[in-house]
Amino acid sequence: MNPITLEYSASLTGDPLLYFEMRETAALILEGLSEDKIKEKIYGENIFQYDTKNRIYQRISSLKKRLSLLDEYLLNILVHGMSETGKIITLWTIYKTNRLFYEFMEEVVKEKLLPGQGLEDMDFSLFFQKKAEEDEKVAAWQESTVKKLKSVIKKILSETEILKRDRSLQRKILHPDLKAHLLQKGERQFLACIEGTNYQ
C-alpha cells in the first residue's frame, strides 16, 4: 500500500494508536478465527473494554485495514513481543494507511530527527497550513478538526516514545531481525523516519 495514493482523511480524530486493540485482535487472528468470529468475540466479550458497542463499530474498520498489512511474523511480534516493539509495528500500520500521518512523518519528523531537532507547535501549524494550501479537502476542515488531529498525532508519537515530554525527538533502535524484516518489505523510508538514518 502506497499512502501517497490515498485521499487525505481526518479519521485519526477517532482512530489513534489503538495498540491494545491491535494486539488483542492480532491474537484472535493467530488463533485462526474467521473475520466474522473475531467480530463476534470482540462484540460479545467486549474485549476492548469500551463503554458502548457503537465505539467498537467505529474502530473495527481501521483495525481491519491496519492488521491486513501484517504477516504472521509481525502479528507474532505484536502479540508476544515487548510493548515498545508492538507500538512501533502499530505506528507503521498507521504510516502505511493514513496519508496525512505518512506525510507528517516524512516531511516533519524525519527532517527534524536527522539533525536531532525537537518538535514544536509551530511545526504542526506550518504542516497543516501547507496541506490546506495543497488540498481543498484539508482546507475545508474545521479548526476544531485540525486541533484534534494535531493532538492525536502528538499522542501517537508520545505513546511510541518518539516524542519526549521536553518535545525532543528520540530515535528508535529496532531489534536486528525486525529491522531486516522491514527492509525486506522495502520499508527504508519508514525506518529513516524512526531511526534518523538516511537510507537513500
N, C-alpha and C. Protein backbone atom coordinates (compact mmCIF):
# COMPACT_ATOMS: atom_id res chain seq x y z
N MET A 1 0.84 -1.20 0.00
CA MET A 1 0.00 0.00 0.00
C MET A 1 0.88 1.26 0.00
N ASN A 2 0.61 2.16 -0.95
CA ASN A 2 1.36 3.41 -1.04
C ASN A 2 0.50 4.54 -0.49
N PRO A 3 0.84 5.06 0.69
CA PRO A 3 0.00 6.09 1.34
C PRO A 3 -0.22 7.33 0.48
N ILE A 4 0.74 7.64 -0.38
CA ILE A 4 0.66 8.87 -1.16
C ILE A 4 -0.49 8.82 -2.17
N THR A 5 -0.99 7.61 -2.46
CA THR A 5 -2.10 7.46 -3.41
C THR A 5 -3.46 7.60 -2.72
N LEU A 6 -3.47 7.63 -1.40
CA LEU A 6 -4.71 7.74 -0.64
C LEU A 6 -5.19 9.18 -0.57
N GLU A 7 -6.47 9.35 -0.35
CA GLU A 7 -7.00 10.70 -0.12
C GLU A 7 -6.71 11.11 1.32
N TYR A 8 -6.62 12.42 1.54
CA TYR A 8 -6.45 12.90 2.91
C TYR A 8 -7.70 12.57 3.72
N SER A 9 -7.49 12.20 4.96
CA SER A 9 -8.60 11.83 5.83
C SER A 9 -8.35 12.35 7.24
N ALA A 10 -9.45 12.72 7.90
CA ALA A 10 -9.36 13.16 9.29
C ALA A 10 -9.70 12.02 10.24
N SER A 11 -9.61 10.78 9.76
CA SER A 11 -10.01 9.62 10.55
C SER A 11 -9.22 9.44 11.84
N LEU A 12 -8.02 9.99 11.89
CA LEU A 12 -7.21 9.85 13.11
C LEU A 12 -7.88 10.49 14.33
N THR A 13 -8.82 11.38 14.10
CA THR A 13 -9.51 12.00 15.24
C THR A 13 -10.23 10.95 16.07
N GLY A 14 -10.65 9.85 15.40
CA GLY A 14 -11.32 8.79 16.13
C GLY A 14 -10.54 7.49 16.19
N ASP A 15 -9.41 7.45 15.51
CA ASP A 15 -8.59 6.23 15.46
C ASP A 15 -7.14 6.54 15.80
N PRO A 16 -6.83 6.70 17.08
CA PRO A 16 -5.45 6.99 17.47
C PRO A 16 -4.55 5.76 17.34
N LEU A 17 -3.59 5.58 18.21
CA LEU A 17 -2.65 4.46 18.08
C LEU A 17 -3.36 3.11 18.13
N LEU A 18 -4.25 2.92 19.10
CA LEU A 18 -5.02 1.68 19.24
C LEU A 18 -4.13 0.45 19.41
N TYR A 19 -3.03 0.58 20.13
CA TYR A 19 -2.11 -0.55 20.32
C TYR A 19 -2.79 -1.73 21.02
N PHE A 20 -3.52 -1.46 22.10
CA PHE A 20 -4.18 -2.53 22.84
C PHE A 20 -5.16 -3.28 21.95
N GLU A 21 -5.97 -2.53 21.20
CA GLU A 21 -6.96 -3.14 20.32
C GLU A 21 -6.29 -3.95 19.20
N MET A 22 -5.19 -3.40 18.68
CA MET A 22 -4.43 -4.11 17.64
C MET A 22 -3.90 -5.44 18.18
N ARG A 23 -3.32 -5.40 19.37
CA ARG A 23 -2.73 -6.60 19.95
C ARG A 23 -3.78 -7.67 20.23
N GLU A 24 -4.92 -7.24 20.80
CA GLU A 24 -5.98 -8.19 21.12
C GLU A 24 -6.57 -8.83 19.86
N THR A 25 -6.77 -8.04 18.84
CA THR A 25 -7.32 -8.56 17.59
C THR A 25 -6.32 -9.45 16.87
N ALA A 26 -5.05 -9.07 16.90
CA ALA A 26 -4.00 -9.88 16.29
C ALA A 26 -3.93 -11.26 16.94
N ALA A 27 -4.15 -11.32 18.24
CA ALA A 27 -4.13 -12.60 18.95
C ALA A 27 -5.25 -13.51 18.45
N LEU A 28 -6.40 -12.93 18.14
CA LEU A 28 -7.52 -13.72 17.63
C LEU A 28 -7.23 -14.21 16.21
N ILE A 29 -6.55 -13.38 15.43
CA ILE A 29 -6.15 -13.79 14.07
C ILE A 29 -5.20 -14.98 14.15
N LEU A 30 -4.25 -14.92 15.07
CA LEU A 30 -3.29 -16.01 15.22
C LEU A 30 -3.94 -17.29 15.73
N GLU A 31 -5.07 -17.16 16.39
CA GLU A 31 -5.83 -18.34 16.84
C GLU A 31 -6.52 -19.02 15.67
N GLY A 32 -6.54 -18.35 14.53
CA GLY A 32 -7.14 -18.93 13.34
C GLY A 32 -8.62 -18.65 13.18
N LEU A 33 -9.15 -17.70 13.96
CA LEU A 33 -10.57 -17.38 13.87
C LEU A 33 -10.88 -16.63 12.58
N SER A 34 -12.07 -16.85 12.05
CA SER A 34 -12.51 -16.14 10.85
C SER A 34 -12.81 -14.69 11.22
N GLU A 35 -12.95 -13.86 10.19
CA GLU A 35 -13.24 -12.44 10.42
C GLU A 35 -14.56 -12.27 11.17
N ASP A 36 -15.57 -13.07 10.79
CA ASP A 36 -16.87 -12.99 11.46
C ASP A 36 -16.78 -13.43 12.93
N LYS A 37 -16.02 -14.49 13.18
CA LYS A 37 -15.85 -14.99 14.55
C LYS A 37 -15.10 -13.97 15.41
N ILE A 38 -14.12 -13.30 14.80
CA ILE A 38 -13.36 -12.28 15.52
C ILE A 38 -14.27 -11.13 15.94
N LYS A 39 -15.10 -10.67 15.00
CA LYS A 39 -16.04 -9.59 15.31
C LYS A 39 -17.02 -10.02 16.40
N GLU A 40 -17.50 -11.25 16.27
CA GLU A 40 -18.46 -11.79 17.25
C GLU A 40 -17.85 -11.82 18.65
N LYS A 41 -16.60 -12.24 18.73
CA LYS A 41 -15.92 -12.33 20.02
C LYS A 41 -15.64 -10.94 20.60
N ILE A 42 -15.23 -10.02 19.75
CA ILE A 42 -14.94 -8.66 20.20
C ILE A 42 -16.19 -7.99 20.75
N TYR A 43 -17.30 -8.15 20.02
CA TYR A 43 -18.57 -7.56 20.46
C TYR A 43 -19.12 -8.29 21.69
N GLY A 44 -19.15 -9.62 21.59
CA GLY A 44 -19.78 -10.42 22.64
C GLY A 44 -19.08 -10.35 23.98
N GLU A 45 -17.76 -10.34 23.95
CA GLU A 45 -17.00 -10.34 25.20
C GLU A 45 -16.46 -8.95 25.56
N ASN A 46 -16.77 -7.97 24.71
CA ASN A 46 -16.28 -6.59 24.92
C ASN A 46 -14.78 -6.60 25.23
N ILE A 47 -14.03 -7.25 24.36
CA ILE A 47 -12.58 -7.42 24.55
C ILE A 47 -11.86 -6.08 24.67
N PHE A 48 -12.37 -5.07 23.98
CA PHE A 48 -11.72 -3.75 24.02
C PHE A 48 -12.06 -2.97 25.29
N GLN A 49 -13.03 -3.48 26.05
CA GLN A 49 -13.45 -2.84 27.31
C GLN A 49 -13.99 -1.43 27.08
N TYR A 50 -14.78 -1.27 26.03
CA TYR A 50 -15.39 0.02 25.73
C TYR A 50 -16.73 0.16 26.45
N ASP A 51 -17.13 1.40 26.63
CA ASP A 51 -18.41 1.68 27.30
C ASP A 51 -19.61 1.36 26.41
N THR A 52 -19.44 1.57 25.10
CA THR A 52 -20.55 1.34 24.17
C THR A 52 -20.09 0.49 22.99
N LYS A 53 -21.01 -0.32 22.45
CA LYS A 53 -20.68 -1.14 21.29
C LYS A 53 -20.52 -0.30 20.04
N ASN A 54 -21.13 0.86 20.02
CA ASN A 54 -21.01 1.76 18.88
C ASN A 54 -19.55 2.18 18.69
N ARG A 55 -18.84 2.32 19.78
CA ARG A 55 -17.42 2.71 19.72
C ARG A 55 -16.60 1.59 19.09
N ILE A 56 -16.96 0.34 19.39
CA ILE A 56 -16.28 -0.80 18.77
C ILE A 56 -16.49 -0.75 17.26
N TYR A 57 -17.74 -0.52 16.85
CA TYR A 57 -18.09 -0.47 15.44
C TYR A 57 -17.25 0.57 14.70
N GLN A 58 -17.02 1.71 15.34
CA GLN A 58 -16.25 2.79 14.72
C GLN A 58 -14.79 2.39 14.49
N ARG A 59 -14.28 1.51 15.36
CA ARG A 59 -12.86 1.17 15.30
C ARG A 59 -12.55 -0.05 14.42
N ILE A 60 -13.52 -0.94 14.26
CA ILE A 60 -13.29 -2.20 13.56
C ILE A 60 -12.71 -1.99 12.15
N SER A 61 -13.24 -1.03 11.42
CA SER A 61 -12.81 -0.80 10.04
C SER A 61 -11.33 -0.42 9.98
N SER A 62 -10.91 0.50 10.83
CA SER A 62 -9.50 0.92 10.86
C SER A 62 -8.58 -0.21 11.28
N LEU A 63 -9.02 -0.98 12.29
CA LEU A 63 -8.21 -2.10 12.76
C LEU A 63 -8.03 -3.13 11.65
N LYS A 64 -9.09 -3.42 10.92
CA LYS A 64 -9.02 -4.38 9.82
C LYS A 64 -8.02 -3.93 8.77
N LYS A 65 -8.08 -2.65 8.43
CA LYS A 65 -7.18 -2.10 7.41
C LYS A 65 -5.72 -2.16 7.87
N ARG A 66 -5.48 -1.81 9.12
CA ARG A 66 -4.12 -1.82 9.64
C ARG A 66 -3.58 -3.25 9.76
N LEU A 67 -4.38 -4.13 10.32
CA LEU A 67 -3.94 -5.50 10.55
C LEU A 67 -3.72 -6.28 9.25
N SER A 68 -4.39 -5.87 8.18
CA SER A 68 -4.22 -6.55 6.89
C SER A 68 -2.79 -6.43 6.37
N LEU A 69 -2.04 -5.47 6.88
CA LEU A 69 -0.65 -5.26 6.44
C LEU A 69 0.32 -6.22 7.11
N LEU A 70 -0.10 -6.85 8.19
CA LEU A 70 0.82 -7.64 8.99
C LEU A 70 0.86 -9.11 8.57
N ASP A 71 2.06 -9.60 8.28
CA ASP A 71 2.23 -11.02 8.03
C ASP A 71 2.33 -11.74 9.37
N GLU A 72 2.49 -13.05 9.33
CA GLU A 72 2.49 -13.83 10.56
C GLU A 72 3.63 -13.44 11.49
N TYR A 73 4.77 -13.11 10.92
CA TYR A 73 5.92 -12.70 11.72
C TYR A 73 5.59 -11.44 12.53
N LEU A 74 5.03 -10.45 11.86
CA LEU A 74 4.71 -9.19 12.54
C LEU A 74 3.55 -9.35 13.51
N LEU A 75 2.59 -10.19 13.17
CA LEU A 75 1.48 -10.47 14.08
C LEU A 75 2.00 -11.08 15.38
N ASN A 76 2.93 -12.01 15.26
CA ASN A 76 3.50 -12.66 16.45
C ASN A 76 4.28 -11.68 17.32
N ILE A 77 5.01 -10.79 16.70
CA ILE A 77 5.75 -9.79 17.49
C ILE A 77 4.78 -8.85 18.19
N LEU A 78 3.73 -8.46 17.47
CA LEU A 78 2.72 -7.57 18.06
C LEU A 78 2.07 -8.22 19.28
N VAL A 79 1.77 -9.51 19.18
CA VAL A 79 1.07 -10.21 20.27
C VAL A 79 2.01 -10.63 21.40
N HIS A 80 3.17 -11.18 21.05
CA HIS A 80 4.04 -11.80 22.05
C HIS A 80 5.29 -10.98 22.40
N GLY A 81 5.59 -9.96 21.60
CA GLY A 81 6.80 -9.17 21.83
C GLY A 81 6.60 -8.09 22.88
N MET A 82 7.65 -7.33 23.10
CA MET A 82 7.59 -6.22 24.06
C MET A 82 6.65 -5.14 23.54
N SER A 83 6.01 -4.44 24.46
CA SER A 83 5.03 -3.42 24.07
C SER A 83 5.68 -2.31 23.23
N GLU A 84 6.92 -1.96 23.55
CA GLU A 84 7.60 -0.90 22.80
C GLU A 84 7.70 -1.28 21.32
N THR A 85 8.06 -2.54 21.06
CA THR A 85 8.16 -3.01 19.68
C THR A 85 6.80 -3.10 19.02
N GLY A 86 5.81 -3.60 19.77
CA GLY A 86 4.46 -3.70 19.24
C GLY A 86 3.89 -2.34 18.85
N LYS A 87 4.22 -1.34 19.62
CA LYS A 87 3.73 0.02 19.33
C LYS A 87 4.37 0.56 18.06
N ILE A 88 5.63 0.21 17.80
CA ILE A 88 6.29 0.66 16.58
C ILE A 88 5.67 -0.03 15.36
N ILE A 89 5.34 -1.30 15.50
CA ILE A 89 4.65 -2.01 14.41
C ILE A 89 3.29 -1.37 14.16
N THR A 90 2.59 -1.03 15.23
CA THR A 90 1.30 -0.36 15.10
C THR A 90 1.47 1.00 14.43
N LEU A 91 2.51 1.73 14.81
CA LEU A 91 2.83 3.02 14.19
C LEU A 91 3.03 2.85 12.69
N TRP A 92 3.73 1.80 12.31
CA TRP A 92 3.99 1.53 10.89
C TRP A 92 2.69 1.32 10.13
N THR A 93 1.72 0.64 10.74
CA THR A 93 0.44 0.40 10.05
C THR A 93 -0.32 1.71 9.83
N ILE A 94 -0.17 2.66 10.76
CA ILE A 94 -0.81 3.97 10.57
C ILE A 94 -0.09 4.72 9.46
N TYR A 95 1.22 4.66 9.48
CA TYR A 95 2.07 5.29 8.46
C TYR A 95 1.69 4.80 7.07
N LYS A 96 1.32 3.53 6.97
CA LYS A 96 1.01 2.94 5.66
C LYS A 96 -0.44 3.16 5.23
N THR A 97 -1.32 3.47 6.16
CA THR A 97 -2.75 3.54 5.81
C THR A 97 -3.36 4.94 5.93
N ASN A 98 -2.57 5.90 6.39
CA ASN A 98 -3.10 7.26 6.56
C ASN A 98 -2.15 8.26 5.91
N ARG A 99 -2.58 8.88 4.82
CA ARG A 99 -1.70 9.77 4.07
C ARG A 99 -1.23 10.96 4.90
N LEU A 100 -2.12 11.52 5.69
CA LEU A 100 -1.75 12.68 6.48
C LEU A 100 -0.63 12.35 7.45
N PHE A 101 -0.77 11.22 8.14
CA PHE A 101 0.25 10.82 9.11
C PHE A 101 1.55 10.45 8.40
N TYR A 102 1.43 9.77 7.27
CA TYR A 102 2.60 9.42 6.46
C TYR A 102 3.40 10.68 6.11
N GLU A 103 2.70 11.70 5.62
CA GLU A 103 3.40 12.91 5.19
C GLU A 103 3.95 13.69 6.38
N PHE A 104 3.28 13.62 7.52
CA PHE A 104 3.82 14.29 8.71
C PHE A 104 5.13 13.62 9.13
N MET A 105 5.16 12.31 9.10
CA MET A 105 6.39 11.58 9.44
C MET A 105 7.51 11.91 8.46
N GLU A 106 7.17 11.93 7.17
CA GLU A 106 8.17 12.16 6.14
C GLU A 106 8.67 13.61 6.10
N GLU A 107 7.74 14.55 6.21
CA GLU A 107 8.07 15.96 5.99
C GLU A 107 8.47 16.70 7.25
N VAL A 108 8.05 16.19 8.41
CA VAL A 108 8.34 16.89 9.66
C VAL A 108 9.24 16.06 10.57
N VAL A 109 8.77 14.88 10.97
CA VAL A 109 9.53 14.08 11.94
C VAL A 109 10.89 13.69 11.39
N LYS A 110 10.94 13.15 10.18
CA LYS A 110 12.22 12.72 9.62
C LYS A 110 13.18 13.89 9.45
N GLU A 111 12.66 15.02 9.00
CA GLU A 111 13.51 16.19 8.78
C GLU A 111 14.03 16.76 10.09
N LYS A 112 13.29 16.57 11.16
CA LYS A 112 13.71 17.06 12.48
C LYS A 112 14.61 16.04 13.19
N LEU A 113 14.33 14.77 12.96
CA LEU A 113 15.05 13.70 13.66
C LEU A 113 16.49 13.58 13.17
N LEU A 114 16.70 13.69 11.88
CA LEU A 114 18.04 13.53 11.32
C LEU A 114 19.06 14.49 11.92
N PRO A 115 18.73 15.79 12.04
CA PRO A 115 19.70 16.70 12.67
C PRO A 115 19.54 16.79 14.19
N GLY A 116 18.63 16.00 14.76
CA GLY A 116 18.46 15.98 16.21
C GLY A 116 17.71 17.18 16.77
N GLN A 117 16.76 17.72 16.02
CA GLN A 117 15.97 18.85 16.49
C GLN A 117 14.72 18.37 17.23
N GLY A 118 14.06 19.31 17.92
CA GLY A 118 12.82 18.98 18.63
C GLY A 118 11.61 19.29 17.78
N LEU A 119 10.44 18.98 18.31
CA LEU A 119 9.19 19.19 17.60
C LEU A 119 8.38 20.25 18.33
N GLU A 120 8.12 21.36 17.66
CA GLU A 120 7.41 22.48 18.28
C GLU A 120 6.00 22.62 17.72
N ASP A 121 5.17 23.39 18.43
CA ASP A 121 3.80 23.62 17.97
C ASP A 121 3.78 24.25 16.58
N MET A 122 4.77 25.09 16.32
CA MET A 122 4.85 25.75 15.03
C MET A 122 5.02 24.75 13.88
N ASP A 123 5.71 23.65 14.16
CA ASP A 123 5.91 22.62 13.13
C ASP A 123 4.57 22.02 12.71
N PHE A 124 3.68 21.81 13.68
CA PHE A 124 2.35 21.29 13.38
C PHE A 124 1.54 22.31 12.59
N SER A 125 1.59 23.55 13.02
CA SER A 125 0.83 24.60 12.35
C SER A 125 1.26 24.80 10.91
N LEU A 126 2.57 24.83 10.69
CA LEU A 126 3.10 25.01 9.33
C LEU A 126 2.74 23.83 8.44
N PHE A 127 2.77 22.63 9.00
CA PHE A 127 2.43 21.43 8.23
C PHE A 127 0.98 21.48 7.77
N PHE A 128 0.06 21.78 8.68
CA PHE A 128 -1.35 21.81 8.32
C PHE A 128 -1.66 22.99 7.40
N GLN A 129 -0.96 24.08 7.56
CA GLN A 129 -1.15 25.22 6.67
C GLN A 129 -0.73 24.84 5.25
N LYS A 130 0.38 24.14 5.15
CA LYS A 130 0.87 23.69 3.84
C LYS A 130 -0.12 22.74 3.18
N LYS A 131 -0.65 21.80 3.96
CA LYS A 131 -1.60 20.83 3.41
C LYS A 131 -2.89 21.51 2.97
N ALA A 132 -3.32 22.51 3.71
CA ALA A 132 -4.53 23.26 3.35
C ALA A 132 -4.34 24.02 2.04
N GLU A 133 -3.12 24.48 1.81
CA GLU A 133 -2.82 25.19 0.56
C GLU A 133 -2.76 24.23 -0.63
N GLU A 134 -2.40 22.98 -0.34
CA GLU A 134 -2.22 21.99 -1.40
C GLU A 134 -3.49 21.21 -1.73
N ASP A 135 -4.42 21.12 -0.78
CA ASP A 135 -5.57 20.25 -0.96
C ASP A 135 -6.85 20.91 -0.45
N GLU A 136 -7.88 20.92 -1.30
CA GLU A 136 -9.15 21.56 -0.95
C GLU A 136 -9.85 20.86 0.21
N LYS A 137 -9.72 19.55 0.26
CA LYS A 137 -10.37 18.79 1.32
C LYS A 137 -9.82 19.18 2.68
N VAL A 138 -8.50 19.28 2.77
CA VAL A 138 -7.86 19.69 4.03
C VAL A 138 -8.23 21.13 4.36
N ALA A 139 -8.27 21.97 3.34
CA ALA A 139 -8.61 23.39 3.54
C ALA A 139 -10.02 23.55 4.12
N ALA A 140 -10.89 22.58 3.85
CA ALA A 140 -12.29 22.67 4.31
C ALA A 140 -12.47 22.16 5.74
N TRP A 141 -11.45 21.56 6.30
CA TRP A 141 -11.57 21.05 7.67
C TRP A 141 -11.77 22.19 8.66
N GLN A 142 -12.64 21.98 9.63
CA GLN A 142 -12.86 22.99 10.66
C GLN A 142 -11.64 23.08 11.57
N GLU A 143 -11.50 24.21 12.20
CA GLU A 143 -10.37 24.44 13.10
C GLU A 143 -10.33 23.40 14.22
N SER A 144 -11.51 23.00 14.69
CA SER A 144 -11.58 22.02 15.76
C SER A 144 -11.06 20.65 15.30
N THR A 145 -11.28 20.33 14.03
CA THR A 145 -10.78 19.07 13.46
C THR A 145 -9.26 19.09 13.39
N VAL A 146 -8.73 20.19 12.92
CA VAL A 146 -7.26 20.33 12.82
C VAL A 146 -6.63 20.27 14.21
N LYS A 147 -7.26 20.93 15.16
CA LYS A 147 -6.75 20.92 16.53
C LYS A 147 -6.72 19.51 17.09
N LYS A 148 -7.78 18.73 16.84
CA LYS A 148 -7.85 17.35 17.30
C LYS A 148 -6.80 16.49 16.61
N LEU A 149 -6.60 16.69 15.32
CA LEU A 149 -5.59 15.93 14.58
C LEU A 149 -4.19 16.20 15.12
N LYS A 150 -3.90 17.46 15.41
CA LYS A 150 -2.61 17.81 16.00
C LYS A 150 -2.41 17.06 17.31
N SER A 151 -3.45 17.05 18.13
CA SER A 151 -3.39 16.40 19.44
C SER A 151 -3.18 14.89 19.31
N VAL A 152 -3.89 14.26 18.37
CA VAL A 152 -3.77 12.81 18.20
C VAL A 152 -2.38 12.44 17.67
N ILE A 153 -1.87 13.20 16.72
CA ILE A 153 -0.53 12.92 16.18
C ILE A 153 0.51 13.04 17.29
N LYS A 154 0.39 14.07 18.11
CA LYS A 154 1.30 14.22 19.25
C LYS A 154 1.22 13.03 20.18
N LYS A 155 -0.02 12.59 20.44
CA LYS A 155 -0.21 11.46 21.37
C LYS A 155 0.36 10.18 20.80
N ILE A 156 0.18 9.94 19.51
CA ILE A 156 0.74 8.75 18.87
C ILE A 156 2.26 8.75 19.00
N LEU A 157 2.87 9.88 18.72
CA LEU A 157 4.33 9.99 18.80
C LEU A 157 4.82 9.88 20.24
N SER A 158 4.00 10.35 21.18
CA SER A 158 4.37 10.25 22.61
C SER A 158 4.25 8.81 23.09
N GLU A 159 3.17 8.13 22.71
CA GLU A 159 2.94 6.75 23.15
C GLU A 159 3.99 5.79 22.59
N THR A 160 4.55 6.12 21.44
CA THR A 160 5.60 5.29 20.86
C THR A 160 6.99 5.78 21.30
N GLU A 161 7.00 6.78 22.16
CA GLU A 161 8.23 7.34 22.76
C GLU A 161 9.19 7.92 21.71
N ILE A 162 8.62 8.39 20.62
CA ILE A 162 9.42 9.13 19.64
C ILE A 162 9.46 10.60 20.05
N LEU A 163 8.34 11.09 20.56
CA LEU A 163 8.27 12.46 21.08
C LEU A 163 8.33 12.42 22.60
N LYS A 164 9.33 13.05 23.17
CA LYS A 164 9.52 13.06 24.62
C LYS A 164 8.79 14.25 25.24
N ARG A 165 8.69 14.24 26.55
CA ARG A 165 7.96 15.31 27.25
C ARG A 165 8.58 16.69 27.02
N ASP A 166 9.90 16.72 26.84
CA ASP A 166 10.57 18.01 26.61
C ASP A 166 10.51 18.43 25.14
N ARG A 167 9.70 17.70 24.35
CA ARG A 167 9.47 17.95 22.93
C ARG A 167 10.63 17.54 22.04
N SER A 168 11.64 16.91 22.62
CA SER A 168 12.73 16.39 21.80
C SER A 168 12.27 15.10 21.12
N LEU A 169 12.90 14.75 20.02
CA LEU A 169 12.57 13.54 19.29
C LEU A 169 13.62 12.47 19.59
N GLN A 170 13.16 11.27 19.87
CA GLN A 170 14.07 10.18 20.23
C GLN A 170 14.12 9.14 19.11
N ARG A 171 15.30 8.80 18.68
CA ARG A 171 15.46 7.78 17.66
C ARG A 171 15.17 6.41 18.25
N LYS A 172 14.52 5.57 17.46
CA LYS A 172 14.20 4.21 17.90
C LYS A 172 15.27 3.23 17.40
N ILE A 173 15.59 2.27 18.23
CA ILE A 173 16.54 1.22 17.85
C ILE A 173 15.76 -0.09 17.79
N LEU A 174 15.60 -0.62 16.61
CA LEU A 174 14.82 -1.85 16.44
C LEU A 174 15.71 -3.08 16.59
N HIS A 175 15.09 -4.19 16.98
CA HIS A 175 15.79 -5.47 17.01
C HIS A 175 16.27 -5.77 15.58
N PRO A 176 17.50 -6.26 15.42
CA PRO A 176 18.03 -6.52 14.07
C PRO A 176 17.13 -7.38 13.19
N ASP A 177 16.45 -8.38 13.78
CA ASP A 177 15.58 -9.25 12.99
C ASP A 177 14.37 -8.48 12.45
N LEU A 178 13.79 -7.63 13.29
CA LEU A 178 12.64 -6.82 12.86
C LEU A 178 13.07 -5.82 11.80
N LYS A 179 14.21 -5.21 12.03
CA LYS A 179 14.73 -4.24 11.06
C LYS A 179 14.97 -4.90 9.71
N ALA A 180 15.56 -6.09 9.74
CA ALA A 180 15.83 -6.83 8.50
C ALA A 180 14.52 -7.19 7.80
N HIS A 181 13.52 -7.53 8.57
CA HIS A 181 12.22 -7.91 8.00
C HIS A 181 11.57 -6.71 7.32
N LEU A 182 11.62 -5.55 7.96
CA LEU A 182 11.05 -4.34 7.36
C LEU A 182 11.83 -3.90 6.12
N LEU A 183 13.14 -4.06 6.17
CA LEU A 183 13.96 -3.73 5.00
C LEU A 183 13.61 -4.65 3.83
N GLN A 184 13.37 -5.91 4.13
CA GLN A 184 12.99 -6.88 3.11
C GLN A 184 11.65 -6.50 2.48
N LYS A 185 10.79 -5.84 3.28
CA LYS A 185 9.49 -5.39 2.78
C LYS A 185 9.60 -4.04 2.07
N GLY A 186 10.82 -3.51 1.98
CA GLY A 186 11.03 -2.25 1.28
C GLY A 186 10.69 -1.01 2.08
N GLU A 187 10.77 -1.13 3.43
CA GLU A 187 10.36 -0.01 4.29
C GLU A 187 11.52 0.88 4.74
N ARG A 188 12.39 1.23 3.81
CA ARG A 188 13.54 2.09 4.13
C ARG A 188 13.09 3.48 4.57
N GLN A 189 12.05 3.99 3.92
CA GLN A 189 11.56 5.33 4.26
C GLN A 189 11.04 5.37 5.70
N PHE A 190 10.27 4.34 6.08
CA PHE A 190 9.75 4.31 7.44
C PHE A 190 10.88 4.22 8.46
N LEU A 191 11.86 3.37 8.19
CA LEU A 191 12.99 3.22 9.11
C LEU A 191 13.75 4.54 9.24
N ALA A 192 13.87 5.27 8.15
CA ALA A 192 14.54 6.57 8.21
C ALA A 192 13.78 7.54 9.10
N CYS A 193 12.44 7.41 9.11
CA CYS A 193 11.60 8.30 9.91
C CYS A 193 11.74 8.05 11.41
N ILE A 194 12.01 6.80 11.80
CA ILE A 194 12.06 6.50 13.23
C ILE A 194 13.48 6.30 13.77
N GLU A 195 14.42 6.00 12.87
CA GLU A 195 15.79 5.76 13.31
C GLU A 195 16.70 6.97 13.11
N GLY A 196 16.26 7.90 12.28
CA GLY A 196 17.12 9.04 11.98
C GLY A 196 18.30 8.66 11.13
N THR A 197 18.13 7.61 10.32
CA THR A 197 19.20 7.14 9.44
C THR A 197 18.80 7.40 8.00
N ASN A 198 19.72 7.88 7.22
CA ASN A 198 19.44 8.16 5.80
C ASN A 198 19.68 6.90 4.98
N TYR A 199 18.60 6.31 4.45
CA TYR A 199 18.70 5.08 3.69
C TYR A 199 18.75 5.36 2.18
N GLN A 200 18.78 6.61 1.81
CA GLN A 200 18.75 6.94 0.38
C GLN A 200 20.08 6.57 -0.27
